Every structure is written in structure tokens, then in C-alpha cells.
PDB file of N, CA and C in Angstrom:
ATOM      1  N   MET A   1     -10.872   7.858   5.035  1.00  0.00           N
ATOM      2  CA  MET A   1     -10.060   7.052   4.895  1.00  0.00           C
ATOM      3  C   MET A   1     -11.347   5.580   4.967  1.00  0.00           C
ATOM      4  N   ALA A   2     -11.079   4.720   3.982  1.00  0.00           N
ATOM      5  CA  ALA A   2     -11.296   3.440   4.118  1.00  0.00           C
ATOM      6  C   ALA A   2     -10.557   2.811   3.887  1.00  0.00           C
ATOM      7  N   GLN A   3     -10.610   1.253   4.751  1.00  0.00           N
ATOM      8  CA  GLN A   3      -9.926  -0.259   4.191  1.00  0.00           C
ATOM      9  C   GLN A   3      -9.559  -0.262   3.121  1.00  0.00           C
ATOM     10  N   PHE A   4      -8.601  -0.633   2.562  1.00  0.00           N
ATOM     11  CA  PHE A   4      -8.722  -1.015   1.528  1.00  0.00           C
ATOM     12  C   PHE A   4      -7.697   0.173   0.620  1.00  0.00           C
ATOM     13  N   ASP A   5      -7.863   1.633   0.743  1.00  0.00           N
ATOM     14  CA  ASP A   5      -7.505   2.893   0.036  1.00  0.00           C
ATOM     15  C   ASP A   5      -6.501   2.370  -0.177  1.00  0.00           C
ATOM     16  N   VAL A   6      -6.187   2.854  -1.526  1.00  0.00           N
ATOM     17  CA  VAL A   6      -4.804   2.892  -2.004  1.00  0.00           C
ATOM     18  C   VAL A   6      -3.890   4.454  -1.917  1.00  0.00           C
ATOM     19  N   HIS A   7      -2.959   4.898  -1.619  1.00  0.00           N
ATOM     20  CA  HIS A   7      -2.538   5.946  -1.420  1.00  0.00           C
ATOM     21  C   HIS A   7      -1.276   6.124  -1.991  1.00  0.00           C
ATOM     22  N   ARG A   8      -0.842   6.957  -2.915  1.00  0.00           N
ATOM     23  CA  ARG A   8       0.585   7.478  -3.093  1.00  0.00           C
ATOM     24  C   ARG A   8       1.276   7.762  -2.267  1.00  0.00           C
ATOM     25  N   ASN A   9       2.667   6.796  -2.202  1.00  0.00           N
ATOM     26  CA  ASN A   9       4.171   6.375  -1.202  1.00  0.00           C
ATOM     27  C   ASN A   9       4.805   8.092  -1.409  1.00  0.00           C
ATOM     28  N   THR A  10       4.663   8.622   0.051  1.00  0.00           N
ATOM     29  CA  THR A  10       5.255  10.270  -0.555  1.00  0.00           C
ATOM     30  C   THR A  10       6.773  10.453   0.227  1.00  0.00           C
ATOM     31  N   GLY A  11       6.691   8.640   0.737  1.00  0.00           N
ATOM     32  CA  GLY A  11       8.440   8.720   1.151  1.00  0.00           C
ATOM     33  C   GLY A  11       9.430   8.238   0.547  1.00  0.00           C
ATOM     34  N   GLN A  12      10.572   8.372   1.332  1.00  0.00           N
ATOM     35  CA  GLN A  12      11.851   8.575   0.594  1.00  0.00           C
ATOM     36  C   GLN A  12      12.330   7.204  -0.749  1.00  0.00           C
ATOM     37  N   GLN A  13      11.247   6.647  -0.505  1.00  0.00           N
ATOM     38  CA  GLN A  13      11.559   5.056  -1.170  1.00  0.00           C
ATOM     39  C   GLN A  13      10.183   5.039  -1.924  1.00  0.00           C
ATOM     40  N   GLN A  14      10.117   6.195  -2.472  1.00  0.00           N
ATOM     41  CA  GLN A  14       8.926   6.186  -3.630  1.00  0.00           C
ATOM     42  C   GLN A  14       9.508   5.408  -4.760  1.00  0.00           C
ATOM     43  N   ALA A  15       9.970   5.801  -5.224  1.00  0.00           N
ATOM     44  CA  ALA A  15      10.715   4.920  -6.593  1.00  0.00           C
ATOM     45  C   ALA A  15      10.225   3.012  -6.379  1.00  0.00           C
ATOM     46  N   SER A  16      10.891   2.669  -5.981  1.00  0.00           N
ATOM     47  CA  SER A  16      10.418   1.323  -5.769  1.00  0.00           C
ATOM     48  C   SER A  16       8.932   0.721  -4.737  1.00  0.00           C
ATOM     49  N   ILE A  17       8.845   1.944  -4.087  1.00  0.00           N
ATOM     50  CA  ILE A  17       7.119   1.713  -3.455  1.00  0.00           C
ATOM     51  C   ILE A  17       6.391   2.577  -3.578  1.00  0.00           C
ATOM     52  N   PRO A  18       5.973   2.720  -4.959  1.00  0.00           N
ATOM     53  CA  PRO A  18       5.402   4.128  -5.293  1.00  0.00           C
ATOM     54  C   PRO A  18       3.717   3.970  -4.537  1.00  0.00           C
ATOM     55  N   PHE A  19       2.982   3.185  -3.935  1.00  0.00           N
ATOM     56  CA  PHE A  19       1.732   3.076  -3.128  1.00  0.00           C
ATOM     57  C   PHE A  19       1.849   2.414  -2.087  1.00  0.00           C
ATOM     58  N   VAL A  20       0.900   2.712  -1.486  1.00  0.00           N
ATOM     59  CA  VAL A  20       0.754   1.823   0.161  1.00  0.00           C
ATOM     60  C   VAL A  20      -1.028   1.499  -0.118  1.00  0.00           C
ATOM     61  N   VAL A  21      -1.577   0.701   0.725  1.00  0.00           N
ATOM     62  CA  VAL A  21      -2.742   0.439   1.054  1.00  0.00           C
ATOM     63  C   VAL A  21      -3.125   0.617   2.746  1.00  0.00           C
ATOM     64  N   ILE A  22      -3.836   0.963   2.750  1.00  0.00           N
ATOM     65  CA  ILE A  22      -4.383   1.127   4.047  1.00  0.00           C
ATOM     66  C   ILE A  22      -4.778  -0.075   4.622  1.00  0.00           C
ATOM     67  N   VAL A  23      -5.130  -0.826   5.670  1.00  0.00           N
ATOM     68  CA  VAL A  23      -5.714  -2.218   6.107  1.00  0.00           C
ATOM     69  C   VAL A  23      -5.729  -1.325   7.535  1.00  0.00           C
ATOM     70  N   GLN A  24      -5.834  -0.534   8.159  1.00  0.00           N
ATOM     71  CA  GLN A  24      -6.555  -0.488   9.379  1.00  0.00           C
ATOM     72  C   GLN A  24      -7.915  -0.372   8.871  1.00  0.00           C
ATOM     73  N   SER A  25      -8.652  -0.983  10.195  1.00  0.00           N
ATOM     74  CA  SER A  25     -10.289  -0.610  10.188  1.00  0.00           C
ATOM     75  C   SER A  25     -10.402   0.462  10.059  1.00  0.00           C
ATOM     76  N   SER A  26     -11.870   0.968   9.659  1.00  0.00           N
ATOM     77  CA  SER A  26     -12.300   2.481   9.657  1.00  0.00           C
ATOM     78  C   SER A  26     -12.780   2.751  10.693  1.00  0.00           C
ATOM     79  N   GLN A  27     -12.718   1.945  11.568  1.00  0.00           N
ATOM     80  CA  GLN A  27     -13.568   1.759  13.092  1.00  0.00           C
ATOM     81  C   GLN A  27     -12.222   3.289  13.485  1.00  0.00           C
ATOM     82  N   PHE A  28     -11.295   3.109  13.344  1.00  0.00           N
ATOM     83  CA  PHE A  28      -9.675   3.944  13.928  1.00  0.00           C
ATOM     84  C   PHE A  28      -9.949   4.854  12.914  1.00  0.00           C
ATOM     85  N   LYS A  29     -10.931   5.385  12.024  1.00  0.00           N
ATOM     86  CA  LYS A  29     -10.755   6.637  11.194  1.00  0.00           C
ATOM     87  C   LYS A  29     -10.263   8.009  12.148  1.00  0.00           C
ATOM     88  N   ASN A  30     -10.604   8.152  13.141  1.00  0.00           N
ATOM     89  CA  ASN A  30     -10.093   9.459  13.985  1.00  0.00           C
ATOM     90  C   ASN A  30      -9.076   9.503  14.704  1.00  0.00           C
ATOM     91  N   TYR A  31      -8.024   8.095  14.352  1.00  0.00           N
ATOM     92  CA  TYR A  31      -6.975   7.999  15.204  1.00  0.00           C
ATOM     93  C   TYR A  31      -6.023   8.761  14.114  1.00  0.00           C
ATOM     94  N   GLN A  32      -4.912   9.542  14.567  1.00  0.00           N
ATOM     95  CA  GLN A  32      -4.075  10.137  13.520  1.00  0.00           C
ATOM     96  C   GLN A  32      -3.375   9.699  12.975  1.00  0.00           C
ATOM     97  N   ARG A  33      -3.446   8.310  13.131  1.00  0.00           N
ATOM     98  CA  ARG A  33      -1.852   7.416  11.892  1.00  0.00           C
ATOM     99  C   ARG A  33      -3.063   6.276  11.397  1.00  0.00           C
ATOM    100  N   ARG A  34      -2.312   5.787  10.178  1.00  0.00           N
ATOM    101  CA  ARG A  34      -2.771   4.589   9.308  1.00  0.00           C
ATOM    102  C   ARG A  34      -1.963   3.343   9.064  1.00  0.00           C
ATOM    103  N   VAL A  35      -2.249   2.374   9.290  1.00  0.00           N
ATOM    104  CA  VAL A  35      -1.730   1.049   9.517  1.00  0.00           C
ATOM    105  C   VAL A  35      -1.862   0.872   7.617  1.00  0.00           C
ATOM    106  N   VAL A  36      -0.304   1.199   7.217  1.00  0.00           N
ATOM    107  CA  VAL A  36      -0.233   0.479   5.800  1.00  0.00           C
ATOM    108  C   VAL A  36       0.211  -1.092   5.095  1.00  0.00           C
ATOM    109  N   VAL A  37       0.737  -1.567   4.008  1.00  0.00           N
ATOM    110  CA  VAL A  37       1.455  -2.287   3.837  1.00  0.00           C
ATOM    111  C   VAL A  37       1.366  -1.821   2.651  1.00  0.00           C
ATOM    112  N   PRO A  38       3.174  -1.727   2.103  1.00  0.00           N
ATOM    113  CA  PRO A  38       3.803  -1.525   0.672  1.00  0.00           C
ATOM    114  C   PRO A  38       3.056  -2.346  -0.017  1.00  0.00           C
ATOM    115  N   LEU A  39       3.158  -1.377  -1.782  1.00  0.00           N
ATOM    116  CA  LEU A  39       3.029  -2.016  -2.797  1.00  0.00           C
ATOM    117  C   LEU A  39       4.327  -2.100  -3.523  1.00  0.00           C
ATOM    118  N   VAL A  40       5.014  -2.993  -3.607  1.00  0.00           N
ATOM    119  CA  VAL A  40       6.307  -2.864  -4.110  1.00  0.00           C
ATOM    120  C   VAL A  40       6.237  -3.281  -5.653  1.00  0.00           C
ATOM    121  N   ARG A  41       7.056  -2.262  -6.500  1.00  0.00           N
ATOM    122  CA  ARG A  41       7.238  -2.706  -8.251  1.00  0.00           C
ATOM    123  C   ARG A  41       7.703  -4.144  -7.909  1.00  0.00           C
ATOM    124  N   ALA A  42       6.905  -4.456  -8.689  1.00  0.00           N
ATOM    125  CA  ALA A  42       6.874  -6.264  -9.155  1.00  0.00           C
ATOM    126  C   ALA A  42       8.240  -6.175  -9.611  1.00  0.00           C
ATOM    127  N   SER A  43       8.863  -5.662 -10.521  1.00  0.00           N
ATOM    128  CA  SER A  43      10.418  -5.425 -11.143  1.00  0.00           C
ATOM    129  C   SER A  43      11.422  -5.041  -9.755  1.00  0.00           C
ATOM    130  N   VAL A  44      11.283  -4.594  -9.017  1.00  0.00           N
ATOM    131  CA  VAL A  44      11.833  -4.383  -7.336  1.00  0.00           C
ATOM    132  C   VAL A  44      11.882  -6.398  -7.097  1.00  0.00           C
ATOM    133  N   VAL A  45      10.552  -6.392  -6.748  1.00  0.00           N
ATOM    134  CA  VAL A  45      10.635  -7.714  -5.986  1.00  0.00           C
ATOM    135  C   VAL A  45      10.865  -8.634  -7.049  1.00  0.00           C
ATOM    136  N   GLY A  46      10.281  -9.434  -8.396  1.00  0.00           N
ATOM    137  CA  GLY A  46      10.594 -10.410  -8.767  1.00  0.00           C
ATOM    138  C   GLY A  46       9.835 -11.429  -8.482  1.00  0.00           C
ATOM    139  N   ALA A  47       9.993 -12.698  -8.938  1.00  0.00           N
ATOM    140  CA  ALA A  47       9.047 -13.360  -8.765  1.00  0.00           C
ATOM    141  C   ALA A  47       8.939 -13.921  -7.337  1.00  0.00           C
ATOM    142  N   SER A  48       7.600 -14.068  -6.928  1.00  0.00           N
ATOM    143  CA  SER A  48       7.505 -14.464  -5.595  1.00  0.00           C
ATOM    144  C   SER A  48       6.522 -15.857  -5.469  1.00  0.00           C
ATOM    145  N   PRO A  49       7.280 -16.488  -4.639  1.00  0.00           N
ATOM    146  CA  PRO A  49       6.711 -17.950  -4.518  1.00  0.00           C
ATOM    147  C   PRO A  49       5.381 -18.288  -4.035  1.00  0.00           C
ATOM    148  N   PHE A  50       4.975 -17.202  -2.856  1.00  0.00           N
ATOM    149  CA  PHE A  50       4.159 -16.908  -2.128  1.00  0.00           C
ATOM    150  C   PHE A  50       2.707 -16.672  -2.832  1.00  0.00           C
ATOM    151  N   ALA A  51       2.313 -16.514  -4.223  1.00  0.00           N
ATOM    152  CA  ALA A  51       1.509 -15.837  -4.779  1.00  0.00           C
ATOM    153  C   ALA A  51       0.143 -15.255  -3.904  1.00  0.00           C
ATOM    154  N   SER A  52      -0.289 -16.337  -3.521  1.00  0.00           N
ATOM    155  CA  SER A  52      -1.463 -15.984  -2.647  1.00  0.00           C
ATOM    156  C   SER A  52      -0.892 -14.659  -1.067  1.00  0.00           C
ATOM    157  N   PHE A  53       0.073 -15.231  -1.098  1.00  0.00           N
ATOM    158  CA  PHE A  53       0.934 -14.254   0.340  1.00  0.00           C
ATOM    159  C   PHE A  53       1.073 -13.097   0.147  1.00  0.00           C
ATOM    160  N   ASN A  54       1.744 -12.651  -1.424  1.00  0.00           N
ATOM    161  CA  ASN A  54       1.962 -11.349  -1.931  1.00  0.00           C
ATOM    162  C   ASN A  54       1.547 -11.323  -3.287  1.00  0.00           C
ATOM    163  N   PRO A  55       0.171 -10.977  -3.175  1.00  0.00           N
ATOM    164  CA  PRO A  55      -0.412 -10.805  -4.701  1.00  0.00           C
ATOM    165  C   PRO A  55      -0.314  -9.855  -5.076  1.00  0.00           C
ATOM    166  N   THR A  56      -0.674 -10.064  -6.728  1.00  0.00           N
ATOM    167  CA  THR A  56       0.258  -8.476  -7.676  1.00  0.00           C
ATOM    168  C   THR A  56      -1.189  -7.954  -8.246  1.00  0.00           C
ATOM    169  N   PHE A  57      -1.032  -6.399  -8.026  1.00  0.00           N
ATOM    170  CA  PHE A  57      -2.145  -5.455  -8.920  1.00  0.00           C
ATOM    171  C   PHE A  57      -1.489  -4.439  -9.940  1.00  0.00           C
ATOM    172  N   THR A  58      -1.959  -4.382 -10.866  1.00  0.00           N
ATOM    173  CA  THR A  58      -1.769  -3.063 -11.314  1.00  0.00           C
ATOM    174  C   THR A  58      -2.569  -1.892 -10.835  1.00  0.00           C
ATOM    175  N   ILE A  59      -1.418  -1.121 -10.780  1.00  0.00           N
ATOM    176  CA  ILE A  59      -2.181   0.525 -10.362  1.00  0.00           C
ATOM    177  C   ILE A  59      -1.888   1.586 -11.400  1.00  0.00           C
ATOM    178  N   ARG A  60      -2.711   2.285 -11.602  1.00  0.00           N
ATOM    179  CA  ARG A  60      -2.245   3.311 -12.826  1.00  0.00           C
ATOM    180  C   ARG A  60      -1.057   2.850 -13.615  1.00  0.00           C
ATOM    181  N   GLY A  61      -1.395   1.745 -14.292  1.00  0.00           N
ATOM    182  CA  GLY A  61      -0.428   1.420 -15.183  1.00  0.00           C
ATOM    183  C   GLY A  61       0.802   1.014 -14.374  1.00  0.00           C
ATOM    184  N   ILE A  62       1.089   0.607 -13.272  1.00  0.00           N
ATOM    185  CA  ILE A  62       1.959   0.366 -12.378  1.00  0.00           C
ATOM    186  C   ILE A  62       2.260  -1.498 -11.800  1.00  0.00           C
ATOM    187  N   THR A  63       2.725  -2.073 -12.264  1.00  0.00           N
ATOM    188  CA  THR A  63       2.560  -3.877 -11.079  1.00  0.00           C
ATOM    189  C   THR A  63       3.109  -3.794 -10.308  1.00  0.00           C
ATOM    190  N   VAL A  64       2.176  -3.855  -8.985  1.00  0.00           N
ATOM    191  CA  VAL A  64       2.785  -3.876  -7.932  1.00  0.00           C
ATOM    192  C   VAL A  64       2.621  -4.752  -6.652  1.00  0.00           C
ATOM    193  N   VAL A  65       3.211  -5.393  -6.269  1.00  0.00           N
ATOM    194  CA  VAL A  65       3.143  -6.574  -5.351  1.00  0.00           C
ATOM    195  C   VAL A  65       2.822  -6.097  -3.928  1.00  0.00           C
ATOM    196  N   LEU A  66       1.803  -7.087  -3.021  1.00  0.00           N
ATOM    197  CA  LEU A  66       1.660  -6.627  -1.555  1.00  0.00           C
ATOM    198  C   LEU A  66       2.305  -7.303  -1.214  1.00  0.00           C
ATOM    199  N   HIS A  67       3.209  -6.506  -0.004  1.00  0.00           N
ATOM    200  CA  HIS A  67       4.545  -6.605   0.726  1.00  0.00           C
ATOM    201  C   HIS A  67       4.034  -6.498   2.013  1.00  0.00           C
ATOM    202  N   PRO A  68       3.285  -7.816   2.524  1.00  0.00           N
ATOM    203  CA  PRO A  68       2.927  -7.665   4.318  1.00  0.00           C
ATOM    204  C   PRO A  68       3.555  -7.982   5.429  1.00  0.00           C
ATOM    205  N   LEU A  69       4.432  -8.141   4.884  1.00  0.00           N
ATOM    206  CA  LEU A  69       5.747  -8.592   6.113  1.00  0.00           C
ATOM    207  C   LEU A  69       6.221  -7.144   6.733  1.00  0.00           C
ATOM    208  N   GLU A  70       6.555  -5.919   5.417  1.00  0.00           N
ATOM    209  CA  GLU A  70       6.606  -4.507   5.890  1.00  0.00           C
ATOM    210  C   GLU A  70       5.360  -3.458   6.447  1.00  0.00           C
ATOM    211  N   ILE A  71       4.554  -4.337   6.751  1.00  0.00           N
ATOM    212  CA  ILE A  71       3.386  -3.556   7.375  1.00  0.00           C
ATOM    213  C   ILE A  71       3.739  -2.502   8.451  1.00  0.00           C
ATOM    214  N   VAL A  72       3.619  -1.221   8.474  1.00  0.00           N
ATOM    215  CA  VAL A  72       3.819  -0.160   9.109  1.00  0.00           C
ATOM    216  C   VAL A  72       2.791   1.083   9.951  1.00  0.00           C
ATOM    217  N   SER A  73       3.318   1.927  10.375  1.00  0.00           N
ATOM    218  CA  SER A  73       2.089   2.932  10.746  1.00  0.00           C
ATOM    219  C   SER A  73       2.817   4.084  10.699  1.00  0.00           C
ATOM    220  N   VAL A  74       2.006   5.048  10.036  1.00  0.00           N
ATOM    221  CA  VAL A  74       2.239   6.349   9.647  1.00  0.00           C
ATOM    222  C   VAL A  74       1.355   7.450   9.486  1.00  0.00           C
ATOM    223  N   PRO A  75       1.940   8.513   9.893  1.00  0.00           N
ATOM    224  CA  PRO A  75       0.733   9.241  10.085  1.00  0.00           C
ATOM    225  C   PRO A  75      -0.455  10.220   9.048  1.00  0.00           C
ATOM    226  N   ALA A  76      -1.215   9.936   8.868  1.00  0.00           N
ATOM    227  CA  ALA A  76      -2.456  10.473   8.397  1.00  0.00           C
ATOM    228  C   ALA A  76      -1.720  11.271   7.479  1.00  0.00           C
ATOM    229  N   GLN A  77      -1.061  12.212   7.725  1.00  0.00           N
ATOM    230  CA  GLN A  77      -0.923  13.625   7.300  1.00  0.00           C
ATOM    231  C   GLN A  77      -0.169  13.241   5.805  1.00  0.00           C
ATOM    232  N   HIS A  78       0.669  11.941   6.039  1.00  0.00           N
ATOM    233  CA  HIS A  78       2.257  11.636   5.109  1.00  0.00           C
ATOM    234  C   HIS A  78       1.257  11.063   4.376  1.00  0.00           C
ATOM    235  N   LEU A  79       0.441  10.621   4.132  1.00  0.00           N
ATOM    236  CA  LEU A  79       0.081   9.947   2.991  1.00  0.00           C
ATOM    237  C   LEU A  79      -0.135  10.663   1.501  1.00  0.00           C
ATOM    238  N   GLY A  80       0.249  10.374   0.436  1.00  0.00           N
ATOM    239  CA  GLY A  80      -0.165  10.759  -0.760  1.00  0.00           C
ATOM    240  C   GLY A  80      -1.683  10.542  -0.913  1.00  0.00           C
ATOM    241  N   ALA A  81      -2.052  11.327  -2.275  1.00  0.00           N
ATOM    242  CA  ALA A  81      -3.407  11.389  -2.844  1.00  0.00           C
ATOM    243  C   ALA A  81      -3.760   9.732  -2.835  1.00  0.00           C
ATOM    244  N   LYS A  82      -4.916   9.962  -2.856  1.00  0.00           N
ATOM    245  CA  LYS A  82      -5.888   7.933  -2.987  1.00  0.00           C
ATOM    246  C   LYS A  82      -6.204   8.405  -4.610  1.00  0.00           C
ATOM    247  N   VAL A  83      -5.443   7.147  -4.547  1.00  0.00           N
ATOM    248  CA  VAL A  83      -5.155   7.048  -6.363  1.00  0.00           C
ATOM    249  C   VAL A  83      -6.253   5.403  -6.916  1.00  0.00           C
ATOM    250  N   GLY A  84      -7.030   5.154  -5.406  1.00  0.00           N
ATOM    251  CA  GLY A  84      -8.080   3.682  -5.891  1.00  0.00           C
ATOM    252  C   GLY A  84      -8.825   2.973  -4.727  1.00  0.00           C
ATOM    253  N   SER A  85      -8.696   1.966  -4.773  1.00  0.00           N
ATOM    254  CA  SER A  85      -9.357   1.009  -3.686  1.00  0.00           C
ATOM    255  C   SER A  85      -8.835  -0.629  -4.296  1.00  0.00           C
ATOM    256  N   LEU A  86      -8.462  -1.127  -3.129  1.00  0.00           N
ATOM    257  CA  LEU A  86      -8.203  -2.702  -3.399  1.00  0.00           C
ATOM    258  C   LEU A  86      -9.532  -3.312  -2.851  1.00  0.00           C
ATOM    259  N   ALA A  87     -10.549  -2.844  -2.484  1.00  0.00           N
ATOM    260  CA  ALA A  87     -11.824  -3.476  -1.728  1.00  0.00           C
ATOM    261  C   ALA A  87     -12.808  -4.330  -3.040  1.00  0.00           C
ATOM    262  N   ASP A  88     -12.377  -4.044  -3.530  1.00  0.00           N
ATOM    263  CA  ASP A  88     -13.074  -4.721  -5.048  1.00  0.00           C
ATOM    264  C   ASP A  88     -12.357  -6.366  -5.022  1.00  0.00           C
TER     265      ASP A  88
END
């Protein structure tokens, strides 16, 4: 687990939220949960008036928007495969 790793969303909303990004510090890697922020399909969100608050990324060919107001803690075992990192 590394901060800013991007994982597939395995939850019920994976059609509109294909990925999540871990924002939890690696200091807490032994904890069994991960604090994540959804990466929502840009087509679902539409235009964002706050580009600095809701930056856009392209991951695996899908344009997504960071949605920090939906931050959540999930069990680590519920994260899908790691597909990249936003650390760069």
C-alpha cells in the first residue's frame, strides 16, 4: 500500500466510479482499512467549477475526476487491483 496508489473500485458504483485513490499515509499500512477518494467518470460529473479542488486524470483510457467530498474508509481486502499511481 502506498499513498496515491489507484485501485479498481469493486463496489456497486463501479460503473460511475471505476477507480479510487488511497490518500491514507503509508504509516498506517498495517491497519486493515484504507482511506480512499473516489475517481468519478468525468462524463458523470460534468464540468467542474473548481478545477483545483476536483482535478481530472486519465487512467487506463478513462477520464476521471477526483471527488474529495466523498472520502471514505474501506476494508483493504475490498480494493480491486492496483492500476497506477497519482504520486507522479
